[in-house]
N, C-alpha and C. Protein backbone atom coordinates (compact mmCIF):
# COMPACT_ATOMS: atom_id res chain seq x y z
N TRP A 1 64.69 9.35 -36.47
CA TRP A 1 63.75 9.01 -35.42
C TRP A 1 62.32 9.33 -35.81
N GLY A 2 62.18 10.31 -36.70
CA GLY A 2 60.83 10.70 -37.13
C GLY A 2 60.08 9.57 -37.80
N GLY A 3 60.80 8.81 -38.62
CA GLY A 3 60.17 7.68 -39.30
C GLY A 3 59.70 6.62 -38.33
N TRP A 4 60.57 6.28 -37.34
CA TRP A 4 60.19 5.26 -36.35
C TRP A 4 59.04 5.76 -35.47
N GLY A 5 59.07 7.04 -35.11
CA GLY A 5 57.99 7.60 -34.30
C GLY A 5 56.66 7.54 -35.04
N THR A 6 56.70 7.86 -36.32
CA THR A 6 55.47 7.83 -37.13
C THR A 6 54.95 6.40 -37.27
N VAL A 7 55.83 5.47 -37.52
CA VAL A 7 55.42 4.06 -37.62
C VAL A 7 54.80 3.60 -36.30
N GLY A 8 55.41 3.98 -35.18
CA GLY A 8 54.87 3.61 -33.88
C GLY A 8 53.49 4.19 -33.63
N ILE A 9 53.31 5.46 -33.93
CA ILE A 9 52.00 6.11 -33.73
C ILE A 9 50.96 5.47 -34.64
N MET A 10 51.33 5.20 -35.88
CA MET A 10 50.39 4.58 -36.80
C MET A 10 50.03 3.17 -36.34
N GLY A 11 51.00 2.47 -35.74
CA GLY A 11 50.71 1.14 -35.19
C GLY A 11 49.70 1.22 -34.05
N LEU A 12 49.86 2.23 -33.19
CA LEU A 12 48.89 2.41 -32.10
C LEU A 12 47.50 2.73 -32.64
N ILE A 13 47.45 3.56 -33.67
CA ILE A 13 46.16 3.89 -34.28
C ILE A 13 45.53 2.65 -34.89
N LEU A 14 46.34 1.84 -35.55
CA LEU A 14 45.82 0.60 -36.15
C LEU A 14 45.28 -0.33 -35.08
N LEU A 15 46.00 -0.48 -33.97
CA LEU A 15 45.51 -1.33 -32.87
C LEU A 15 44.19 -0.81 -32.31
N ALA A 16 44.08 0.51 -32.16
CA ALA A 16 42.83 1.09 -31.66
C ALA A 16 41.69 0.81 -32.63
N GLN A 17 41.97 0.92 -33.93
CA GLN A 17 40.95 0.65 -34.94
C GLN A 17 40.51 -0.82 -34.92
N LEU A 18 41.48 -1.71 -34.76
CA LEU A 18 41.15 -3.14 -34.74
C LEU A 18 40.42 -3.53 -33.46
N PHE A 19 40.78 -2.87 -32.36
CA PHE A 19 40.14 -3.17 -31.07
C PHE A 19 38.69 -2.71 -31.07
N SER A 20 38.45 -1.46 -31.42
CA SER A 20 37.09 -0.92 -31.45
C SER A 20 37.05 0.30 -32.35
N PHE A 21 36.54 0.11 -33.56
CA PHE A 21 36.49 1.21 -34.51
C PHE A 21 35.60 2.34 -33.97
N SER A 22 34.45 2.00 -33.44
CA SER A 22 33.52 3.02 -32.96
C SER A 22 34.15 3.89 -31.87
N TRP A 23 34.82 3.23 -30.91
CA TRP A 23 35.45 3.97 -29.83
C TRP A 23 36.55 4.89 -30.35
N SER A 24 37.42 4.38 -31.21
CA SER A 24 38.53 5.19 -31.72
C SER A 24 38.02 6.31 -32.62
N PHE A 25 36.95 6.07 -33.36
CA PHE A 25 36.34 7.10 -34.21
C PHE A 25 35.83 8.26 -33.35
N ILE A 26 35.14 7.93 -32.28
CA ILE A 26 34.60 8.97 -31.39
C ILE A 26 35.73 9.72 -30.68
N VAL A 27 36.74 9.00 -30.20
CA VAL A 27 37.86 9.66 -29.51
C VAL A 27 38.59 10.60 -30.47
N PHE A 28 38.84 10.14 -31.69
CA PHE A 28 39.50 10.99 -32.69
C PHE A 28 38.73 12.29 -32.89
N HIS A 29 37.42 12.17 -33.09
CA HIS A 29 36.63 13.37 -33.36
C HIS A 29 36.49 14.26 -32.13
N ARG A 30 36.46 13.69 -30.95
CA ARG A 30 36.41 14.53 -29.74
C ARG A 30 37.71 15.30 -29.54
N ILE A 31 38.84 14.71 -29.96
CA ILE A 31 40.12 15.41 -29.83
C ILE A 31 40.22 16.54 -30.85
N PHE A 32 39.90 16.25 -32.10
CA PHE A 32 40.10 17.24 -33.16
C PHE A 32 38.92 18.17 -33.39
N PHE A 33 37.76 17.83 -32.86
CA PHE A 33 36.57 18.69 -32.97
C PHE A 33 35.91 18.79 -31.60
N PRO A 34 36.59 19.43 -30.62
CA PRO A 34 36.09 19.44 -29.25
C PRO A 34 34.76 20.18 -29.08
N GLN A 35 34.42 21.06 -30.02
CA GLN A 35 33.16 21.79 -29.91
C GLN A 35 31.95 20.92 -30.29
N GLY A 36 32.20 19.70 -30.74
CA GLY A 36 31.13 18.75 -31.01
C GLY A 36 30.44 18.92 -32.34
N ASN A 37 31.03 19.66 -33.25
CA ASN A 37 30.37 19.91 -34.53
C ASN A 37 30.70 18.87 -35.60
N TRP A 38 31.10 17.68 -35.21
CA TRP A 38 31.42 16.63 -36.16
C TRP A 38 30.26 15.68 -36.41
N GLN A 39 29.18 15.83 -35.68
CA GLN A 39 28.02 14.96 -35.87
C GLN A 39 27.01 15.65 -36.76
N PHE A 40 26.64 14.99 -37.85
CA PHE A 40 25.70 15.55 -38.81
C PHE A 40 24.48 14.64 -38.90
N SER A 41 23.35 15.24 -39.20
CA SER A 41 22.14 14.45 -39.38
C SER A 41 22.21 13.71 -40.71
N ALA A 42 21.40 12.68 -40.86
CA ALA A 42 21.38 11.90 -42.11
C ALA A 42 20.92 12.74 -43.29
N GLU A 43 20.19 13.82 -43.03
CA GLU A 43 19.70 14.69 -44.10
C GLU A 43 20.73 15.74 -44.50
N SER A 44 21.87 15.78 -43.83
CA SER A 44 22.91 16.75 -44.11
C SER A 44 23.44 16.57 -45.53
N LEU A 45 23.71 17.68 -46.21
CA LEU A 45 24.24 17.63 -47.57
C LEU A 45 25.60 16.92 -47.60
N LEU A 46 26.41 17.12 -46.58
CA LEU A 46 27.72 16.46 -46.51
C LEU A 46 27.56 14.94 -46.47
N ILE A 47 26.65 14.45 -45.66
CA ILE A 47 26.43 13.01 -45.53
C ILE A 47 25.81 12.45 -46.80
N GLN A 48 24.92 13.19 -47.42
CA GLN A 48 24.28 12.72 -48.65
C GLN A 48 25.25 12.73 -49.82
N THR A 49 26.18 13.69 -49.85
CA THR A 49 27.12 13.79 -50.95
C THR A 49 28.24 12.76 -50.84
N PHE A 50 28.75 12.56 -49.64
CA PHE A 50 29.88 11.64 -49.43
C PHE A 50 29.43 10.50 -48.52
N PRO A 51 29.26 9.31 -49.08
CA PRO A 51 28.85 8.16 -48.25
C PRO A 51 29.97 7.72 -47.32
N GLY A 52 29.65 6.86 -46.39
CA GLY A 52 30.62 6.35 -45.44
C GLY A 52 31.82 5.70 -46.10
N GLU A 53 31.60 5.05 -47.24
CA GLU A 53 32.70 4.39 -47.96
C GLU A 53 33.74 5.40 -48.42
N PHE A 54 33.31 6.62 -48.75
CA PHE A 54 34.25 7.66 -49.15
C PHE A 54 35.21 7.97 -48.00
N PHE A 55 34.66 8.17 -46.82
CA PHE A 55 35.48 8.51 -45.66
C PHE A 55 36.39 7.35 -45.26
N ALA A 56 35.88 6.12 -45.38
CA ALA A 56 36.70 4.95 -45.07
C ALA A 56 37.85 4.84 -46.07
N GLY A 57 37.57 5.05 -47.34
CA GLY A 57 38.61 5.00 -48.37
C GLY A 57 39.66 6.09 -48.19
N MET A 58 39.22 7.30 -47.87
CA MET A 58 40.15 8.40 -47.64
C MET A 58 41.00 8.14 -46.40
N GLY A 59 40.38 7.61 -45.37
CA GLY A 59 41.14 7.28 -44.16
C GLY A 59 42.22 6.25 -44.45
N MET A 60 41.87 5.25 -45.23
CA MET A 60 42.84 4.21 -45.60
C MET A 60 43.96 4.81 -46.46
N ALA A 61 43.61 5.68 -47.40
CA ALA A 61 44.62 6.32 -48.25
C ALA A 61 45.58 7.16 -47.41
N ILE A 62 45.06 7.91 -46.46
CA ILE A 62 45.91 8.73 -45.59
C ILE A 62 46.81 7.84 -44.75
N PHE A 63 46.27 6.75 -44.22
CA PHE A 63 47.04 5.81 -43.41
C PHE A 63 48.19 5.23 -44.21
N VAL A 64 47.91 4.74 -45.40
CA VAL A 64 48.94 4.11 -46.24
C VAL A 64 49.98 5.15 -46.67
N LEU A 65 49.54 6.33 -47.08
CA LEU A 65 50.47 7.38 -47.49
C LEU A 65 51.40 7.76 -46.34
N THR A 66 50.85 7.85 -45.14
CA THR A 66 51.67 8.18 -43.97
C THR A 66 52.73 7.10 -43.74
N LEU A 67 52.34 5.83 -43.86
CA LEU A 67 53.33 4.75 -43.69
C LEU A 67 54.39 4.76 -44.79
N VAL A 68 53.99 5.08 -46.01
CA VAL A 68 54.96 5.15 -47.11
C VAL A 68 55.95 6.29 -46.85
N LEU A 69 55.45 7.44 -46.44
CA LEU A 69 56.34 8.56 -46.16
C LEU A 69 57.24 8.28 -44.95
N ALA A 70 56.72 7.59 -43.95
CA ALA A 70 57.54 7.21 -42.80
C ALA A 70 58.65 6.26 -43.26
N GLY A 71 58.31 5.33 -44.14
CA GLY A 71 59.31 4.42 -44.69
C GLY A 71 60.38 5.17 -45.46
N ALA A 72 59.96 6.18 -46.22
CA ALA A 72 60.94 7.00 -46.94
C ALA A 72 61.86 7.73 -45.97
N LEU A 73 61.32 8.22 -44.87
CA LEU A 73 62.15 8.87 -43.86
C LEU A 73 63.16 7.88 -43.26
N LEU A 74 62.72 6.66 -43.03
CA LEU A 74 63.62 5.65 -42.50
C LEU A 74 64.76 5.36 -43.47
N VAL A 75 64.45 5.22 -44.75
CA VAL A 75 65.47 4.95 -45.76
C VAL A 75 66.43 6.13 -45.88
N LEU A 76 65.89 7.34 -45.95
CA LEU A 76 66.74 8.53 -46.06
C LEU A 76 67.62 8.70 -44.82
N GLY A 77 67.06 8.43 -43.66
CA GLY A 77 67.84 8.54 -42.43
C GLY A 77 68.99 7.54 -42.39
N ARG A 78 68.72 6.34 -42.86
CA ARG A 78 69.77 5.31 -42.87
C ARG A 78 70.88 5.68 -43.85
N LYS A 79 70.49 6.24 -45.02
CA LYS A 79 71.49 6.62 -46.02
C LYS A 79 72.34 7.78 -45.55
N ARG A 80 71.76 8.70 -44.81
CA ARG A 80 72.50 9.86 -44.31
C ARG A 80 73.45 9.47 -43.19
N ARG A 81 73.13 8.42 -42.49
CA ARG A 81 73.95 7.97 -41.38
C ARG A 81 75.21 7.40 -41.94
């Protein structure tokens, strides 16, 4: 069930991203960084060191890896059954 649950959650995240990236980006950061320390100025060393493309690429890599691992859970679960 873990594999199907993960695929379902990732599907919801994908739909949110396709519907409105800006909205889902803000909601994500408000959930995981409720103290509001996720907004940095353009002069911030973090922003200057890692461009937006870096974060987009890492997000995509995490998304794909999560789906691959969920698929592995589905295959392993089916074989154990």
